Amino acid sequence: MTDQLDTKTDWGVQATDKFVGLVDKVRDRTTGPLLKIVRAVVYGLIVLVAAIAALLLVLIAFIHLLDGYLPGEVWGVYLILGALFGLIGLVLWSKRTP
């Protein structure tokens, strides 16, 4: 009697294991690549925001540094940086593809 019960229980365990394995395989093939893409997008956005913040902090520090070394008001620093960024923009604009 216990042999029949063990066989039925063993069959149930095997069927459950096969079903769980099938579900895991389907989930890995469908959501696995999607999760990798979403992680890459999220980490990329975090890096982008951090890079923009770092760039702004460097620009602020550069303005303060120039303001400390150049005589006069801060508008001179703004004039120099405006001319510099304008020249960079002109160079990049001339290299664009039509």
Protein backbone atom coordinates (compact mmCIF):
# COMPACT_ATOMS: atom_id res chain seq x y z
CA MET A 1 0.00 0.00 0.00
CA THR A 2 2.79 2.44 0.80
CA ASP A 3 4.51 1.60 -2.51
CA GLN A 4 1.44 2.79 -4.44
CA LEU A 5 1.26 5.97 -2.37
CA ASP A 6 4.97 6.70 -2.96
CA THR A 7 4.52 6.19 -6.71
CA LYS A 8 1.58 8.60 -6.84
CA THR A 9 3.39 11.17 -4.72
CA ASP A 10 6.52 10.80 -6.83
CA TRP A 11 4.47 11.28 -10.03
CA GLY A 12 2.92 14.44 -8.59
CA VAL A 13 6.31 15.82 -7.61
CA GLN A 14 7.70 15.08 -11.06
CA ALA A 15 4.75 16.74 -12.79
CA THR A 16 5.05 19.79 -10.56
CA ASP A 17 8.78 20.03 -11.18
CA LYS A 18 8.26 19.82 -14.95
CA PHE A 19 5.56 22.49 -14.84
CA VAL A 20 7.68 24.80 -12.70
CA GLY A 21 10.67 24.23 -14.99
CA LEU A 22 8.54 25.08 -18.04
CA VAL A 23 7.24 28.27 -16.42
CA ASP A 24 10.79 29.28 -15.44
CA LYS A 25 12.04 28.66 -18.97
CA VAL A 26 9.25 30.76 -20.51
CA ARG A 27 9.81 33.55 -17.98
CA ASP A 28 13.57 33.59 -18.63
CA ARG A 29 13.05 33.86 -22.38
CA THR A 30 10.43 36.59 -22.19
CA THR A 31 11.20 38.81 -19.22
CA GLY A 32 14.94 38.15 -18.96
CA PRO A 33 15.98 40.27 -21.97
CA LEU A 34 13.39 42.91 -21.09
CA LEU A 35 14.78 43.25 -17.59
CA LYS A 36 18.30 43.70 -18.98
CA ILE A 37 17.10 46.45 -21.31
CA VAL A 38 15.21 48.24 -18.54
CA ARG A 39 18.23 48.04 -16.23
CA ALA A 40 20.47 49.49 -18.94
CA VAL A 41 18.04 52.37 -19.54
CA VAL A 42 17.72 53.14 -15.83
CA TYR A 43 21.46 53.03 -15.18
CA GLY A 44 22.07 55.11 -18.31
CA LEU A 45 19.66 57.78 -17.09
CA ILE A 46 21.32 57.83 -13.68
CA VAL A 47 24.74 58.27 -15.30
CA LEU A 48 23.36 61.00 -17.59
CA VAL A 49 21.86 62.97 -14.70
CA ALA A 50 25.08 62.62 -12.68
CA ALA A 51 27.18 63.75 -15.65
CA ILE A 52 25.00 66.82 -16.21
CA ALA A 53 25.21 67.70 -12.51
CA ALA A 54 28.99 67.28 -12.54
CA LEU A 55 29.29 69.42 -15.68
CA LEU A 56 27.25 72.19 -14.10
CA LEU A 57 29.32 72.09 -10.93
CA VAL A 58 32.54 72.31 -12.94
CA LEU A 59 31.13 75.25 -14.91
CA ILE A 60 30.14 77.05 -11.70
CA ALA A 61 33.59 76.44 -10.22
CA PHE A 62 35.21 77.74 -13.42
CA ILE A 63 33.09 80.92 -13.28
CA HIS A 64 34.07 81.50 -9.66
CA LEU A 65 37.73 80.85 -10.45
CA LEU A 66 37.76 83.28 -13.37
CA ASP A 67 35.84 85.86 -11.34
CA GLY A 68 38.50 85.68 -8.64
CA TYR A 69 41.39 86.22 -11.06
CA LEU A 70 39.91 88.73 -13.50
CA PRO A 71 39.57 92.34 -12.38
CA GLY A 72 36.18 94.02 -12.50
CA GLU A 73 32.67 92.66 -12.25
CA VAL A 74 31.42 89.20 -13.07
CA TRP A 75 30.00 90.33 -16.44
CA GLY A 76 33.52 90.08 -17.89
CA VAL A 77 33.63 86.39 -17.04
CA TYR A 78 30.19 85.94 -18.62
CA LEU A 79 31.40 87.75 -21.73
CA ILE A 80 34.49 85.54 -22.03
CA LEU A 81 32.54 82.31 -21.46
CA GLY A 82 29.80 83.45 -23.86
CA ALA A 83 32.37 84.11 -26.56
CA LEU A 84 34.05 80.75 -25.88
CA PHE A 85 30.80 78.80 -26.04
CA GLY A 86 29.77 80.79 -29.12
CA LEU A 87 32.98 79.81 -30.90
CA ILE A 88 32.53 76.18 -29.90
CA GLY A 89 28.97 76.33 -31.25
CA LEU A 90 30.13 77.84 -34.53
CA VAL A 91 32.77 75.14 -34.98
CA LEU A 92 30.27 72.37 -34.26
CA TRP A 93 27.67 74.01 -36.51
CA SER A 94 30.14 74.14 -39.41
CA LYS A 95 30.95 70.43 -39.02
CA ARG A 96 27.31 69.28 -39.13
CA THR A 97 26.02 67.22 -42.00
CA PRO A 98 23.35 68.94 -44.12
